[in-house]
Amino acid sequence: MPIQEKSNMTGSGLRAWRNRMGWSRDEAAEKLGLKRDTYKKLENGNRPITQKLADETKRFEALKTHTNDAVLNSKDAHVEVVGGGTIVHVRNHLALSAPAYGSTAREVAGIFRRRGYQTNLTLTRMADSSSEYETNDDMQRLANEIVENPARKIVIWNPAICDFEGYIGDVTPHAKAERLKSRAGDQTMRLMPSDKIVSGIRRDRKDLFLVAFKTTTGASADEMYEAGLKLMKGSHINLVLVNDVVNRLNMIVAPEEARYHVTPERVEAMEGLVDMAILRSQCRFTRSKVIKNSKGVDWQSDIISDNLRTVVNHCIQRGAYKPVDTKRGLVTAGHFAARGPEEKIITSRRWSNFNDLAQNGMVLIEPKGRDDVIAYGGKPSVGGMSQRIIFKDHPNLDNIVHFHCPLKSDAPDYIPLRDQRPYECGSHECGQNTSDGLREIEDGIWGVMLDNHGPNIVYGKDVDPQRVINVIERNFDLDDKTGGKVGAAWSGARPSI
């Protein structure tokens, strides 16, 4: 038998092809005329992929690309996947571009279809010559169309948007602007940043689950993590997949400042991304109504128990709340709360720096049933739902302290561990998961560790605060941060509260 030529296709590339096609392993094996076990070995890299087989995968993908698939063109689809690159016109026959040809978007759409989700795939003209979307303005129009479609619930925003507009001289950039002549010699172009389209997608549609992508070049894992956080914070994004085109590393960054699926295997990262989007998009949230010009609660107020103030002040002094530099300034993750009078709750302020707690104060929230909350003094902590559930389920506990620091490897106490990956922080499901996980560490002090997130320490208003501090210090590393430290993390002298 003649020896078949080996191709450059890897097992990971074969798996990516299957994802783009939206097929299971069995379906892919059947289409290629292979036994399931043989196909599995090929995809796992245990057998070489011949050039003939690689050519066959290309043939199937070409057929798929040119087939009108109703699932990919439905206004009623639950999922919208957007990909491809854009251009920004400078002059006639001259434009800036962000090159991208839609392979990631095709693959993600295929994974969703294989998971049983009706999915609409929209590509730019750079990735699909028949597309009506080409420029940044076209993509803004597409974003508006997605927001206006109530059927859309998950948006995978993967286009490469050209980040700049180019100006040559005093001519306004346009497709029909005066054409440059090469014989005129050297030209200088002034670049101006373009508007960020992704930041407006969830502004008025908080029910949308939004996934965005960030590309870095030769960055460290920590730099990738910080880049993902900066994109996410302030743009209402639910998940960010960061990939580095030089070191080939991928990671998923979540709002609780966690990293998931940190791997050089891009296919593994994208499958993990889809699974997390499906799980977290099912979470339910209660939005708070903030009363304008209402007064909050001073940190020294008598309605805040001294033993909460003492413990939180200690955590601040020890650097447990490490700020991230965002569009809104330095903000810290975590939360803390006290049971207030008449079933009210005094909670920390969202989008604030807890190291400035004495100046920022607290927010008073008044729950009105399960799905309505009135807030006085600003926007309440995203952990408000957890606080409400914990106080309801544990009527003998009055204070909650939550920070994003890891459990020590040699922690002497038994701290229950709960999975955070399926739940977005702030959801009903996250709150119930936290409350259900609480166990008594010692008399009157309860706790739970949310994996890759941080602990919740809950205790009564009569508990000696030094006992709570001792529990925290012996079990948690307040110098470290779950997810990893960021550039703006507190490193100087601690504030005096």
Protein backbone atom coordinates (compact mmCIF):
# COMPACT_ATOMS: atom_id res chain seq x y z
CA MET A 1 0.00 0.00 0.00
CA PRO A 2 1.32 3.50 -0.81
CA ILE A 3 2.35 5.59 2.21
CA GLN A 4 -0.14 8.41 2.71
CA GLU A 5 1.31 11.91 3.06
CA LYS A 6 1.10 13.37 6.56
CA SER A 7 -0.61 16.77 6.84
CA ASN A 8 0.16 19.76 9.06
CA MET A 9 -3.23 19.43 10.76
CA THR A 10 -3.02 18.68 14.49
CA GLY A 11 -5.48 16.85 16.71
CA SER A 12 -6.48 20.20 18.20
CA GLY A 13 -7.08 21.54 14.67
CA LEU A 14 -9.31 18.56 13.91
CA ARG A 15 -11.29 19.25 17.09
CA ALA A 16 -11.62 22.92 16.11
CA TRP A 17 -12.92 21.85 12.67
CA ARG A 18 -15.53 19.62 14.34
CA ASN A 19 -16.61 22.52 16.53
CA ARG A 20 -17.04 24.77 13.50
CA MET A 21 -19.18 22.11 11.87
CA GLY A 22 -21.25 21.73 15.03
CA TRP A 23 -20.84 17.94 15.05
CA SER A 24 -20.37 15.43 17.83
CA ARG A 25 -17.43 13.03 17.68
CA ASP A 26 -19.69 10.26 16.37
CA GLU A 27 -21.09 12.52 13.64
CA ALA A 28 -17.62 13.65 12.56
CA ALA A 29 -16.35 10.06 12.44
CA GLU A 30 -19.35 8.98 10.35
CA LYS A 31 -18.93 11.89 7.88
CA LEU A 32 -15.25 11.06 7.42
CA GLY A 33 -15.91 7.32 7.10
CA LEU A 34 -13.88 6.47 10.22
CA LYS A 35 -14.48 4.26 13.22
CA ARG A 36 -15.23 6.25 16.36
CA ASP A 37 -12.14 4.94 18.13
CA THR A 38 -9.93 5.85 15.19
CA TYR A 39 -11.36 9.35 15.05
CA LYS A 40 -10.85 9.75 18.82
CA LYS A 41 -7.18 8.80 18.48
CA LEU A 42 -6.74 11.35 15.68
CA GLU A 43 -8.35 14.13 17.69
CA ASN A 44 -6.32 13.27 20.80
CA GLY A 45 -3.10 13.42 18.80
CA ASN A 46 -2.38 9.69 19.12
CA ARG A 47 -2.35 9.13 15.36
CA PRO A 48 -1.10 11.37 12.52
CA ILE A 49 -3.64 13.05 10.27
CA THR A 50 -3.08 12.35 6.58
CA GLN A 51 -3.25 15.04 3.92
CA LYS A 52 -6.19 13.21 2.33
CA LEU A 53 -8.17 13.44 5.57
CA ALA A 54 -7.24 17.11 6.04
CA ASP A 55 -8.44 17.84 2.49
CA GLU A 56 -11.71 16.06 3.26
CA THR A 57 -12.31 18.29 6.30
CA LYS A 58 -11.76 21.36 4.10
CA ARG A 59 -14.26 20.02 1.57
CA PHE A 60 -16.95 19.55 4.22
CA GLU A 61 -16.32 23.02 5.63
CA ALA A 62 -16.57 24.59 2.17
CA LEU A 63 -19.90 22.85 1.65
CA LYS A 64 -21.12 24.03 5.04
CA THR A 65 -20.06 27.63 4.35
CA HIS A 66 -22.03 27.74 1.12
CA THR A 67 -25.14 26.04 2.49
CA ASN A 68 -28.06 28.18 3.64
CA ASP A 69 -28.51 26.92 7.19
CA ALA A 70 -31.77 28.19 8.67
CA VAL A 71 -30.41 27.74 12.18
CA LEU A 72 -27.77 30.33 11.39
CA ASN A 73 -30.23 32.88 10.02
CA SER A 74 -33.00 32.95 12.58
CA LYS A 75 -34.34 36.12 14.17
CA ASP A 76 -35.62 33.92 16.99
CA ALA A 77 -32.23 32.40 17.86
CA HIS A 78 -31.32 32.48 21.55
CA VAL A 79 -27.61 33.02 20.83
CA GLU A 80 -25.94 35.62 18.61
CA VAL A 81 -22.30 35.05 17.60
CA VAL A 82 -20.51 37.90 15.80
CA GLY A 83 -17.09 37.70 14.16
CA GLY A 84 -14.80 38.96 11.41
CA GLY A 85 -12.75 42.12 10.95
CA THR A 86 -13.81 45.67 10.14
CA ILE A 87 -12.45 48.57 8.13
CA VAL A 88 -12.56 52.34 8.63
CA HIS A 89 -12.40 54.43 5.45
CA VAL A 90 -9.78 57.15 5.32
CA ARG A 91 -9.93 58.27 1.68
CA ASN A 92 -11.23 56.78 -1.54
CA HIS A 93 -9.40 53.44 -1.99
CA LEU A 94 -7.64 53.79 1.37
CA ALA A 95 -8.79 52.37 4.68
CA LEU A 96 -7.57 51.14 8.03
CA SER A 97 -8.46 47.57 8.91
CA ALA A 98 -8.51 45.07 11.77
CA PRO A 99 -7.87 41.75 9.98
CA ALA A 100 -9.98 38.80 11.17
CA TYR A 101 -11.66 36.14 9.10
CA GLY A 102 -14.27 34.60 11.39
CA SER A 103 -12.77 31.21 12.28
CA THR A 104 -13.25 31.72 16.03
CA ALA A 105 -16.83 32.90 15.60
CA ARG A 106 -17.62 29.91 13.36
CA GLU A 107 -16.13 27.57 15.93
CA VAL A 108 -18.01 29.08 18.87
CA ALA A 109 -21.27 29.01 16.92
CA GLY A 110 -20.64 25.34 16.12
CA ILE A 111 -20.10 24.53 19.82
CA PHE A 112 -23.37 26.22 20.74
CA ARG A 113 -25.23 24.31 18.03
CA ARG A 114 -23.74 21.05 19.24
CA ARG A 115 -24.98 21.94 22.74
CA GLY A 116 -28.49 22.22 21.27
CA TYR A 117 -28.78 26.04 21.13
CA GLN A 118 -30.32 27.77 18.14
CA THR A 119 -27.56 30.13 17.10
CA ASN A 120 -27.34 33.07 14.72
CA LEU A 121 -23.88 33.60 13.22
CA THR A 122 -23.18 37.06 11.80
CA LEU A 123 -19.86 37.70 10.09
CA THR A 124 -18.44 40.89 8.62
CA ARG A 125 -17.72 41.19 4.92
CA MET A 126 -14.05 40.44 5.60
CA ALA A 127 -15.11 36.96 6.75
CA ASP A 128 -18.15 36.52 4.48
CA SER A 129 -18.27 38.32 1.13
CA SER A 130 -22.09 38.37 1.18
CA SER A 131 -22.29 40.24 4.51
CA GLU A 132 -23.83 43.70 4.76
CA TYR A 133 -21.56 44.58 7.70
CA GLU A 134 -18.13 45.98 6.86
CA THR A 135 -17.27 49.18 8.75
CA ASN A 136 -17.35 50.21 12.41
CA ASP A 137 -20.56 52.13 11.69
CA ASP A 138 -22.10 48.94 10.30
CA MET A 139 -21.12 47.09 13.47
CA GLN A 140 -22.72 49.75 15.63
CA ARG A 141 -25.89 49.25 13.60
CA LEU A 142 -25.62 45.48 14.14
CA ALA A 143 -25.15 45.98 17.89
CA ASN A 144 -28.31 48.10 17.96
CA GLU A 145 -30.21 45.41 16.05
CA ILE A 146 -29.10 42.76 18.56
CA VAL A 147 -30.17 44.90 21.51
CA GLU A 148 -33.57 45.55 19.92
CA ASN A 149 -34.23 41.84 19.36
CA PRO A 150 -35.85 40.41 22.53
CA ALA A 151 -35.12 36.83 21.41
CA ARG A 152 -31.38 37.32 21.90
CA LYS A 153 -30.16 36.22 25.34
CA ILE A 154 -26.46 35.36 24.82
CA VAL A 155 -24.20 37.59 22.71
CA ILE A 156 -20.71 36.39 21.76
CA TRP A 157 -19.06 39.60 20.54
CA ASN A 158 -15.92 38.51 18.69
CA PRO A 159 -15.42 40.98 15.81
CA ALA A 160 -12.05 42.69 15.42
CA ILE A 161 -13.16 46.31 15.54
CA CYS A 162 -10.72 48.79 14.02
CA ASP A 163 -9.75 50.89 17.05
CA PHE A 164 -8.77 54.06 15.19
CA GLU A 165 -9.97 56.55 12.62
CA GLY A 166 -7.34 57.95 10.30
CA TYR A 167 -7.03 61.61 9.28
CA ILE A 168 -4.73 62.86 6.52
CA GLY A 169 -4.64 66.63 6.37
CA ASP A 170 -7.93 68.35 7.08
CA VAL A 171 -10.05 66.03 4.92
CA THR A 172 -12.88 64.24 6.77
CA PRO A 173 -12.41 60.45 6.46
CA HIS A 174 -14.92 58.89 4.07
CA ALA A 175 -15.13 56.18 1.39
CA LYS A 176 -15.53 58.88 -1.25
CA ALA A 177 -13.15 61.43 0.21
CA GLU A 178 -10.52 62.95 -2.08
CA ARG A 179 -8.21 60.22 -3.29
CA LEU A 180 -4.53 60.47 -2.42
CA LYS A 181 -1.99 60.41 -5.23
CA SER A 182 1.22 58.45 -4.64
CA ARG A 183 3.20 60.91 -6.72
CA ALA A 184 2.51 63.50 -4.00
CA GLY A 185 5.08 61.71 -1.86
CA ASP A 186 5.11 60.90 1.85
CA GLN A 187 1.96 61.46 3.86
CA THR A 188 1.31 61.65 7.59
CA MET A 189 -1.80 60.11 9.13
CA ARG A 190 -3.22 61.14 12.48
CA LEU A 191 -4.96 58.31 14.38
CA MET A 192 -7.91 59.02 16.67
CA PRO A 193 -9.42 56.30 18.91
CA SER A 194 -12.79 54.93 17.80
CA ASP A 195 -15.77 54.52 20.11
CA LYS A 196 -16.00 51.19 21.96
CA ILE A 197 -19.14 49.52 20.60
CA VAL A 198 -19.14 46.64 23.10
CA SER A 199 -19.53 48.97 26.09
CA GLY A 200 -23.05 49.94 25.00
CA ILE A 201 -24.54 46.51 24.33
CA ARG A 202 -25.78 45.84 27.88
CA ARG A 203 -26.38 49.44 28.84
CA ASP A 204 -30.15 49.04 28.45
CA ARG A 205 -30.35 45.23 28.19
CA LYS A 206 -29.07 43.82 31.48
CA ASP A 207 -30.86 40.56 30.60
CA LEU A 208 -28.30 39.93 27.85
CA PHE A 209 -25.33 37.73 28.71
CA LEU A 210 -22.37 39.33 26.96
CA VAL A 211 -19.06 37.63 26.14
CA ALA A 212 -16.19 39.68 24.70
CA PHE A 213 -12.65 38.93 23.57
CA LYS A 214 -9.31 40.61 24.23
CA THR A 215 -6.08 39.99 22.30
CA THR A 216 -2.61 40.64 23.69
CA THR A 217 0.83 40.28 22.10
CA GLY A 218 3.63 38.75 24.14
CA ALA A 219 2.00 39.52 27.48
CA SER A 220 2.50 37.56 30.69
CA ALA A 221 -0.44 35.68 32.20
CA ASP A 222 -0.84 38.44 34.81
CA GLU A 223 -0.82 41.13 32.12
CA MET A 224 -3.44 39.20 30.15
CA TYR A 225 -5.57 38.89 33.29
CA GLU A 226 -5.37 42.63 33.98
CA ALA A 227 -6.21 43.45 30.34
CA GLY A 228 -9.30 41.26 30.57
CA LEU A 229 -10.39 42.92 33.81
CA LYS A 230 -9.95 46.42 32.37
CA LEU A 231 -12.12 45.54 29.36
CA MET A 232 -14.77 43.96 31.58
CA LYS A 233 -15.00 46.52 34.38
CA GLY A 234 -17.26 49.38 33.42
CA SER A 235 -18.49 47.82 30.17
CA HIS A 236 -21.06 45.46 31.73
CA ILE A 237 -19.38 42.38 30.19
CA ASN A 238 -20.11 38.99 31.76
CA LEU A 239 -17.08 37.03 30.55
CA VAL A 240 -13.90 37.91 28.63
CA LEU A 241 -11.73 35.41 26.77
CA VAL A 242 -8.17 36.75 26.59
CA ASN A 243 -5.72 35.19 24.15
CA ASP A 244 -2.13 36.08 23.41
CA VAL A 245 -1.08 35.68 19.78
CA VAL A 246 2.60 35.29 20.68
CA ASN A 247 2.66 32.89 23.63
CA ARG A 248 -0.63 31.21 22.53
CA LEU A 249 -2.05 31.28 26.07
CA ASN A 250 -5.80 31.60 26.63
CA MET A 251 -7.80 32.43 29.74
CA ILE A 252 -11.35 33.29 30.70
CA VAL A 253 -11.73 36.24 33.07
CA ALA A 254 -14.91 36.46 35.18
CA PRO A 255 -16.46 39.44 37.04
CA GLU A 256 -15.48 38.04 40.43
CA GLU A 257 -11.90 38.62 39.21
CA ALA A 258 -11.29 34.90 38.69
CA ARG A 259 -9.37 33.11 35.93
CA TYR A 260 -10.75 29.97 34.32
CA HIS A 261 -9.48 27.66 31.57
CA VAL A 262 -5.93 29.01 31.52
CA THR A 263 -4.51 26.86 28.73
CA PRO A 264 -2.53 26.96 25.47
CA GLU A 265 -5.28 24.76 23.97
CA ARG A 266 -7.56 27.34 22.36
CA VAL A 267 -10.24 24.76 21.56
CA GLU A 268 -10.43 23.76 25.22
CA ALA A 269 -10.75 27.40 26.24
CA MET A 270 -13.57 28.07 23.76
CA GLU A 271 -15.50 24.97 24.80
CA GLY A 272 -15.10 26.07 28.41
CA LEU A 273 -16.26 29.57 27.47
CA VAL A 274 -19.45 28.25 25.85
CA ASP A 275 -20.21 26.00 28.82
CA MET A 276 -19.71 28.87 31.29
CA ALA A 277 -21.88 31.18 29.19
CA ILE A 278 -24.68 28.60 29.09
CA LEU A 279 -24.48 27.98 32.85
CA ARG A 280 -24.20 31.61 33.94
CA SER A 281 -26.77 32.98 31.49
CA GLN A 282 -29.41 31.00 33.37
CA CYS A 283 -28.75 32.92 36.59
CA ARG A 284 -31.41 35.33 37.83
CA PHE A 285 -30.75 38.82 39.17
CA THR A 286 -32.67 41.42 41.16
CA ARG A 287 -31.98 45.01 40.13
CA SER A 288 -32.04 47.68 42.81
CA LYS A 289 -33.85 50.99 42.53
CA VAL A 290 -31.60 53.77 43.81
CA ILE A 291 -33.43 56.74 45.31
CA LYS A 292 -31.81 59.86 43.89
CA ASN A 293 -30.19 62.30 46.30
CA SER A 294 -30.91 59.96 49.22
CA LYS A 295 -28.50 59.75 52.13
CA GLY A 296 -26.45 56.63 52.84
CA VAL A 297 -25.05 55.39 56.13
CA ASP A 298 -21.89 56.77 57.68
CA TRP A 299 -19.27 54.12 58.49
CA GLN A 300 -19.29 55.28 62.12
CA SER A 301 -23.09 55.09 62.39
CA ASP A 302 -24.63 53.50 65.51
CA ILE A 303 -26.71 51.14 63.36
CA ILE A 304 -23.49 49.39 62.26
CA SER A 305 -22.29 47.06 65.00
CA ASP A 306 -18.82 47.72 66.39
CA ASN A 307 -17.75 44.14 65.76
CA LEU A 308 -18.39 44.47 62.00
CA ARG A 309 -16.51 47.77 61.90
CA THR A 310 -13.56 46.28 63.80
CA VAL A 311 -13.25 43.23 61.54
CA VAL A 312 -13.62 45.18 58.28
CA ASN A 313 -11.15 47.84 59.43
CA HIS A 314 -8.68 45.07 60.18
CA CYS A 315 -9.15 43.54 56.73
CA ILE A 316 -8.61 46.94 55.11
CA GLN A 317 -5.49 47.60 57.15
CA ARG A 318 -4.14 44.17 56.17
CA GLY A 319 -4.73 44.82 52.46
CA ALA A 320 -7.53 42.30 51.90
CA TYR A 321 -9.28 44.70 49.52
CA LYS A 322 -6.96 45.25 46.56
CA PRO A 323 -8.12 47.90 44.04
CA VAL A 324 -8.29 47.49 40.29
CA ASP A 325 -7.76 50.49 38.00
CA THR A 326 -10.93 50.90 35.89
CA LYS A 327 -12.65 53.54 33.79
CA ARG A 328 -14.36 54.64 37.01
CA GLY A 329 -11.14 54.89 38.99
CA LEU A 330 -9.81 52.49 41.61
CA VAL A 331 -12.44 49.97 42.75
CA THR A 332 -12.25 46.99 45.08
CA ALA A 333 -13.97 43.62 44.88
CA GLY A 334 -15.76 41.94 47.75
CA HIS A 335 -18.46 43.18 50.09
CA PHE A 336 -19.59 43.39 53.70
CA ALA A 337 -22.94 44.01 55.37
CA ALA A 338 -24.82 44.33 58.63
CA ARG A 339 -28.37 43.33 59.46
CA GLY A 340 -30.23 46.61 59.87
CA PRO A 341 -33.44 47.67 61.60
CA GLU A 342 -36.87 46.55 60.28
CA GLU A 343 -35.38 43.91 57.90
CA LYS A 344 -33.19 46.49 56.18
CA ILE A 345 -29.53 45.80 55.35
CA ILE A 346 -26.54 48.13 55.51
CA THR A 347 -24.20 47.10 52.70
CA SER A 348 -21.00 48.28 51.06
CA ARG A 349 -21.14 50.58 48.05
CA ARG A 350 -20.66 49.19 44.54
CA TRP A 351 -17.90 50.64 42.35
CA SER A 352 -16.02 52.12 45.30
CA ASN A 353 -12.61 51.71 46.89
CA PHE A 354 -13.07 50.16 50.33
CA ASN A 355 -9.73 51.63 51.35
CA ASP A 356 -11.62 54.97 51.31
CA LEU A 357 -14.54 53.59 53.31
CA ALA A 358 -14.49 56.41 55.86
CA GLN A 359 -15.20 58.90 53.06
CA ASN A 360 -17.54 56.73 50.93
CA GLY A 361 -19.75 55.28 53.64
CA MET A 362 -22.36 52.55 53.20
CA VAL A 363 -25.69 52.03 51.43
CA LEU A 364 -29.01 51.21 53.09
CA ILE A 365 -31.16 48.71 51.19
CA GLU A 366 -34.80 47.88 51.81
CA PRO A 367 -35.89 44.56 50.28
CA LYS A 368 -39.46 44.53 48.93
CA GLY A 369 -40.14 40.85 48.44
CA ARG A 370 -37.75 38.63 46.49
CA ASP A 371 -37.42 40.72 43.33
CA ASP A 372 -37.47 44.35 44.42
CA VAL A 373 -34.86 46.32 46.34
CA ILE A 374 -34.85 50.02 47.18
CA ALA A 375 -31.42 51.52 47.85
CA TYR A 376 -30.59 54.73 49.70
CA GLY A 377 -27.24 56.48 49.33
CA GLY A 378 -25.96 54.94 46.10
CA LYS A 379 -25.74 51.67 44.23
CA PRO A 380 -25.51 48.73 46.64
CA SER A 381 -22.95 45.94 46.52
CA VAL A 382 -23.35 43.27 43.85
CA GLY A 383 -23.29 40.88 46.82
CA GLY A 384 -26.59 42.29 48.06
CA MET A 385 -28.50 39.22 46.87
CA SER A 386 -26.19 36.91 48.80
CA GLN A 387 -26.58 39.10 51.86
CA ARG A 388 -30.37 38.97 51.69
CA ILE A 389 -30.44 35.19 51.32
CA ILE A 390 -27.86 34.61 54.08
CA PHE A 391 -29.68 36.83 56.56
CA LYS A 392 -33.00 35.16 55.71
CA ASP A 393 -31.60 31.60 56.02
CA HIS A 394 -29.55 32.35 59.15
CA PRO A 395 -31.61 34.59 61.45
CA ASN A 396 -29.07 34.35 64.30
CA LEU A 397 -26.23 35.83 62.22
CA ASP A 398 -25.90 39.59 61.73
CA ASN A 399 -22.65 40.47 59.93
CA ILE A 400 -21.07 39.36 56.64
CA VAL A 401 -17.47 39.94 55.53
CA HIS A 402 -16.35 38.83 52.06
CA PHE A 403 -12.99 39.46 50.41
CA HIS A 404 -11.08 37.96 47.49
CA CYS A 405 -8.20 36.22 49.23
CA PRO A 406 -7.25 32.54 48.97
CA LEU A 407 -7.54 29.82 51.58
CA LYS A 408 -4.16 28.94 53.09
CA SER A 409 -2.84 25.54 52.08
CA ASP A 410 -2.30 24.74 55.76
CA ALA A 411 -5.55 26.28 57.06
CA PRO A 412 -6.22 24.54 60.39
CA ASP A 413 -10.01 24.92 60.39
CA TYR A 414 -12.51 23.08 58.23
CA ILE A 415 -13.78 25.63 55.69
CA PRO A 416 -16.42 24.23 53.28
CA LEU A 417 -15.61 24.74 49.59
CA ARG A 418 -18.32 25.61 47.06
CA ASP A 419 -17.98 25.75 43.27
CA GLN A 420 -18.26 29.26 41.82
CA ARG A 421 -17.80 28.49 38.12
CA PRO A 422 -21.52 27.92 37.28
CA TYR A 423 -22.72 31.09 39.01
CA GLU A 424 -22.18 34.76 38.30
CA CYS A 425 -21.62 36.75 41.46
CA GLY A 426 -24.67 38.76 42.46
CA SER A 427 -27.20 36.24 41.16
CA HIS A 428 -29.87 34.47 43.20
CA GLU A 429 -28.12 31.18 42.45
CA CYS A 430 -24.76 32.46 43.71
CA GLY A 431 -26.40 33.73 46.88
CA GLN A 432 -28.15 30.44 47.57
CA ASN A 433 -24.98 28.49 46.82
CA THR A 434 -23.13 30.64 49.36
CA SER A 435 -25.80 30.38 52.03
CA ASP A 436 -26.14 26.61 51.60
CA GLY A 437 -22.38 26.19 51.99
CA LEU A 438 -22.05 28.03 55.32
CA ARG A 439 -20.90 25.91 58.28
CA GLU A 440 -20.01 26.87 61.83
CA ILE A 441 -16.23 27.22 62.20
CA GLU A 442 -16.38 27.96 65.89
CA ASP A 443 -19.08 29.15 68.27
CA GLY A 444 -21.08 31.90 66.56
CA ILE A 445 -18.74 32.22 63.54
CA TRP A 446 -19.75 30.62 60.25
CA GLY A 447 -17.90 30.48 56.95
CA VAL A 448 -17.68 29.15 53.42
CA MET A 449 -15.00 29.41 50.72
CA LEU A 450 -16.20 30.08 47.18
CA ASP A 451 -13.68 28.32 44.95
CA ASN A 452 -11.49 30.67 42.89
CA HIS A 453 -13.38 33.57 44.47
CA GLY A 454 -13.11 34.11 48.22
CA PRO A 455 -14.62 33.45 51.66
CA ASN A 456 -17.79 34.64 53.32
CA ILE A 457 -17.38 34.98 57.10
CA VAL A 458 -20.72 35.41 58.88
CA TYR A 459 -21.23 35.98 62.61
CA GLY A 460 -23.52 37.45 65.26
CA LYS A 461 -23.42 41.03 66.53
CA ASP A 462 -22.40 39.86 70.02
CA VAL A 463 -19.37 37.84 68.89
CA ASP A 464 -15.98 39.13 70.03
CA PRO A 465 -14.45 40.69 66.86
CA GLN A 466 -10.96 39.49 67.83
CA ARG A 467 -12.20 35.90 67.55
CA VAL A 468 -13.41 36.62 64.00
CA ILE A 469 -10.08 38.24 63.13
CA ASN A 470 -8.25 35.20 64.49
CA VAL A 471 -10.36 32.87 62.30
CA ILE A 472 -9.59 35.01 59.24
CA GLU A 473 -5.87 35.32 59.93
CA ARG A 474 -5.22 31.66 60.55
CA ASN A 475 -7.17 30.42 57.51
CA PHE A 476 -6.80 33.04 54.75
CA ASP A 477 -3.85 34.73 53.06
CA LEU A 478 -4.75 38.42 53.14
CA ASP A 479 -1.56 39.35 51.29
CA ASP A 480 -2.64 37.40 48.20
CA LYS A 481 -5.65 37.72 45.93
CA THR A 482 -7.75 35.04 44.24
CA GLY A 483 -7.37 35.32 40.48
CA GLY A 484 -4.04 37.08 40.94
CA LYS A 485 -2.85 40.52 41.90
CA VAL A 486 -3.17 43.43 39.51
CA GLY A 487 -1.02 46.50 38.92
CA ALA A 488 -3.13 48.77 41.08
CA ALA A 489 -3.21 46.35 44.02
CA TRP A 490 -2.58 48.10 47.30
CA SER A 491 1.13 48.04 48.08
CA GLY A 492 1.78 51.09 50.20
CA ALA A 493 0.95 52.08 53.75
CA ARG A 494 -2.49 51.03 54.87
CA PRO A 495 -5.16 53.72 55.31
CA SER A 496 -6.11 54.81 58.78
CA ILE A 497 -9.82 54.15 59.29
